[in-house]
Amino acid sequence: MSIKKDLIPVQIRRVASNLIEDNALTYFLENSSTSVDESVVAAFDIVHSLTQSKDRKRLTLSFAYVHLNRAINTLDAAADAAYTDIYLNTKPNSSDISSRQLTEYVRRGQRWFTLAGPSPFLLSVYSRLAETIVFNNSIKLANLQALAETVQAIYPELVHALVTFDDSRGSDMHLRGEVSWPT
């Protein structure tokens, strides 16, 4: 079948069935663990690089932490291996980062993810106080959750606008069930 022009409705099903390889499920199952591992390693590298940079942007680092949390959530669903072990085994000569630092990055990622609530774009409107709270180990995750929910209750129009913007950008957080926030 030639696909040099637009498809007509009867062609869509035939073309759609040809978009996926015959062995797609087997390929995915055999290779997903490696891809997830690489994603976690890359996410750690990004966070570590940004934390070491003197001219980093606060929002960029917050987004990187959220991305790290999402990569680890995917890893947790895909494998039983510890994320710090995966990183350290992949980078055995990396002496500039410890498992303690990696664990702290994960903790901060979880905290930024909690504050982001229904959309990572919510991070773009938080004040510097949010960063102080994320870095403060004495503030419990449940209290961060309560803060995020209260922000949503106080600023529903802003949250709705950011969620709508996020949805228009193709975010799949809601589809994957990573968050279950009311909109």
Protein backbone atom coordinates (compact mmCIF):
# COMPACT_ATOMS: atom_id res chain seq x y z
CA MET A 1 0.00 0.00 0.00
CA SER A 2 1.29 3.43 -0.90
CA ILE A 3 1.16 6.05 1.84
CA LYS A 4 2.13 9.07 -0.21
CA LYS A 5 -1.21 10.80 0.35
CA ASP A 6 -3.74 11.07 3.14
CA LEU A 7 -5.46 7.87 4.24
CA ILE A 8 -9.09 7.13 3.67
CA PRO A 9 -11.07 5.58 6.57
CA VAL A 10 -10.95 2.00 5.23
CA GLN A 11 -7.15 2.15 5.06
CA ILE A 12 -6.64 3.29 8.65
CA ARG A 13 -7.18 -0.11 10.29
CA ARG A 14 -4.87 -1.87 7.81
CA VAL A 15 -2.14 0.74 8.19
CA ALA A 16 -2.53 0.78 11.99
CA SER A 17 -2.02 -2.97 12.19
CA ASN A 18 1.19 -2.58 10.17
CA LEU A 19 2.59 0.09 12.49
CA ILE A 20 3.42 -2.49 15.14
CA GLU A 21 6.02 -5.19 14.60
CA ASP A 22 4.84 -8.79 14.83
CA ASN A 23 7.17 -9.50 17.76
CA ALA A 24 6.50 -6.17 19.54
CA LEU A 25 5.39 -7.63 22.87
CA THR A 26 8.33 -10.02 23.07
CA TYR A 27 10.77 -7.27 22.10
CA PHE A 28 9.31 -4.90 24.69
CA LEU A 29 9.46 -7.48 27.48
CA GLU A 30 13.06 -8.42 26.65
CA ASN A 31 14.30 -4.81 26.38
CA SER A 32 12.17 -2.73 28.73
CA SER A 33 14.30 -3.41 31.79
CA THR A 34 17.46 -2.11 30.08
CA SER A 35 15.66 0.99 28.80
CA VAL A 36 14.20 1.74 32.21
CA ASP A 37 17.60 1.28 33.84
CA GLU A 38 19.17 3.68 31.33
CA SER A 39 16.39 6.20 31.98
CA VAL A 40 17.01 6.08 35.74
CA VAL A 41 20.76 6.49 35.25
CA ALA A 42 20.21 9.45 32.91
CA ALA A 43 17.78 11.06 35.37
CA PHE A 44 20.31 10.72 38.21
CA ASP A 45 23.03 12.19 35.98
CA ILE A 46 20.86 15.19 35.13
CA VAL A 47 19.99 15.89 38.77
CA HIS A 48 23.58 15.45 39.88
CA SER A 49 24.88 17.68 37.11
CA LEU A 50 22.38 20.42 37.94
CA THR A 51 23.14 20.26 41.67
CA GLN A 52 26.84 20.73 40.88
CA SER A 53 26.25 23.66 38.52
CA LYS A 54 26.73 27.12 39.98
CA ASP A 55 24.47 28.84 37.44
CA ARG A 56 21.57 26.39 37.51
CA LYS A 57 18.00 27.56 37.31
CA ARG A 58 15.80 26.66 40.28
CA LEU A 59 12.88 25.56 38.10
CA THR A 60 15.09 23.38 35.87
CA LEU A 61 16.36 21.47 38.90
CA SER A 62 12.79 21.05 40.21
CA PHE A 63 11.68 19.58 36.88
CA ALA A 64 14.73 17.28 36.90
CA TYR A 65 13.76 15.99 40.34
CA VAL A 66 10.22 15.28 39.14
CA HIS A 67 11.61 13.46 36.10
CA LEU A 68 13.84 11.36 38.38
CA ASN A 69 10.82 10.44 40.49
CA ARG A 70 8.86 9.40 37.40
CA ALA A 71 11.78 7.28 36.14
CA ILE A 72 12.05 5.55 39.51
CA ASN A 73 8.29 4.95 39.58
CA THR A 74 8.66 3.26 36.20
CA LEU A 75 11.59 1.22 37.49
CA ASP A 76 9.62 0.14 40.56
CA ALA A 77 6.89 -1.11 38.27
CA ALA A 78 9.34 -2.86 35.93
CA ALA A 79 11.87 -4.45 38.26
CA ASP A 80 12.79 -5.23 41.84
CA ALA A 81 16.33 -3.86 41.57
CA ALA A 82 17.33 -0.94 43.74
CA TYR A 83 17.70 2.30 41.80
CA THR A 84 20.91 3.32 43.57
CA ASP A 85 22.47 -0.09 42.81
CA ILE A 86 21.51 0.27 39.15
CA TYR A 87 23.19 3.67 39.01
CA LEU A 88 26.32 2.64 40.88
CA ASN A 89 26.66 -0.62 38.89
CA THR A 90 26.30 1.29 35.63
CA LYS A 91 28.90 3.85 36.69
CA PRO A 92 31.41 1.86 38.77
CA ASN A 93 34.13 4.51 38.41
CA SER A 94 31.91 7.33 39.59
CA SER A 95 33.49 8.41 42.86
CA ASP A 96 31.95 11.89 42.87
CA ILE A 97 28.50 10.64 43.90
CA SER A 98 27.59 8.41 46.82
CA SER A 99 24.58 6.18 47.40
CA ARG A 100 23.62 8.61 50.17
CA GLN A 101 23.51 11.47 47.64
CA LEU A 102 21.45 9.34 45.25
CA THR A 103 19.00 8.54 48.05
CA GLU A 104 18.72 12.23 48.86
CA TYR A 105 18.02 13.04 45.19
CA VAL A 106 15.25 10.44 45.25
CA ARG A 107 13.78 11.94 48.42
CA ARG A 108 13.79 15.41 46.91
CA GLY A 109 12.26 14.05 43.70
CA GLN A 110 9.41 12.52 45.68
CA ARG A 111 8.88 15.81 47.49
CA TRP A 112 8.87 17.93 44.32
CA PHE A 113 6.56 15.39 42.68
CA THR A 114 4.17 15.72 45.63
CA LEU A 115 4.16 19.52 45.40
CA ALA A 116 3.66 19.37 41.64
CA GLY A 117 0.35 17.61 42.20
CA PRO A 118 -1.65 17.29 39.01
CA SER A 119 0.90 19.09 36.83
CA PRO A 120 4.66 19.63 36.91
CA PHE A 121 3.95 23.12 35.59
CA LEU A 122 2.68 23.99 39.07
CA LEU A 123 6.36 24.09 40.05
CA SER A 124 6.76 27.19 37.88
CA VAL A 125 4.54 29.29 40.16
CA TYR A 126 5.92 28.26 43.54
CA SER A 127 8.03 30.75 45.49
CA ARG A 128 11.47 30.03 46.91
CA LEU A 129 9.71 28.86 50.06
CA ALA A 130 8.80 25.65 48.20
CA GLU A 131 12.48 24.90 47.68
CA THR A 132 13.17 25.51 51.36
CA ILE A 133 10.37 23.12 52.30
CA VAL A 134 11.54 20.43 49.90
CA PHE A 135 15.05 20.55 51.32
CA ASN A 136 13.84 20.55 54.94
CA ASN A 137 13.97 16.94 56.14
CA SER A 138 11.83 17.65 59.20
CA ILE A 139 8.73 18.40 57.10
CA LYS A 140 6.94 15.12 56.49
CA LEU A 141 5.70 14.01 53.06
CA ALA A 142 2.11 13.93 54.37
CA ASN A 143 2.41 17.62 55.22
CA LEU A 144 3.73 18.36 51.74
CA GLN A 145 0.68 16.55 50.37
CA ALA A 146 -1.56 18.69 52.59
CA LEU A 147 0.23 21.84 51.39
CA ALA A 148 -0.24 20.85 47.74
CA GLU A 149 -3.93 20.10 48.26
CA THR A 150 -4.41 23.42 50.09
CA VAL A 151 -2.72 25.31 47.24
CA GLN A 152 -5.13 23.61 44.85
CA ALA A 153 -8.09 24.60 47.02
CA ILE A 154 -6.96 28.23 47.35
CA TYR A 155 -6.01 28.69 43.68
CA PRO A 156 -8.36 26.41 41.69
CA GLU A 157 -8.34 28.59 38.56
CA LEU A 158 -4.55 28.69 38.43
CA VAL A 159 -4.28 24.94 38.98
CA HIS A 160 -6.93 24.28 36.34
CA ALA A 161 -5.07 26.50 33.85
CA LEU A 162 -1.77 24.71 34.51
CA VAL A 163 -3.37 21.26 34.26
CA THR A 164 -5.07 22.29 31.01
CA PHE A 165 -1.74 23.57 29.68
CA ASP A 166 -0.07 20.32 30.78
CA ASP A 167 -2.78 18.22 29.13
CA SER A 168 -2.42 20.20 25.92
CA ARG A 169 1.31 19.38 25.96
CA GLY A 170 0.59 15.65 26.04
CA SER A 171 1.44 14.87 29.64
CA ASP A 172 0.72 11.26 30.45
CA MET A 173 0.87 11.49 34.22
CA HIS A 174 -2.88 11.11 34.57
CA LEU A 175 -3.08 8.32 32.01
CA ARG A 176 -0.44 6.26 33.83
CA GLY A 177 -2.23 6.80 37.13
CA GLU A 178 0.80 8.40 38.76
CA VAL A 179 -1.40 11.05 40.31
CA SER A 180 -5.00 10.98 41.38
CA TRP A 181 -5.75 14.61 42.06
CA PRO A 182 -9.15 16.18 41.58
CA THR A 183 -9.31 18.72 38.78
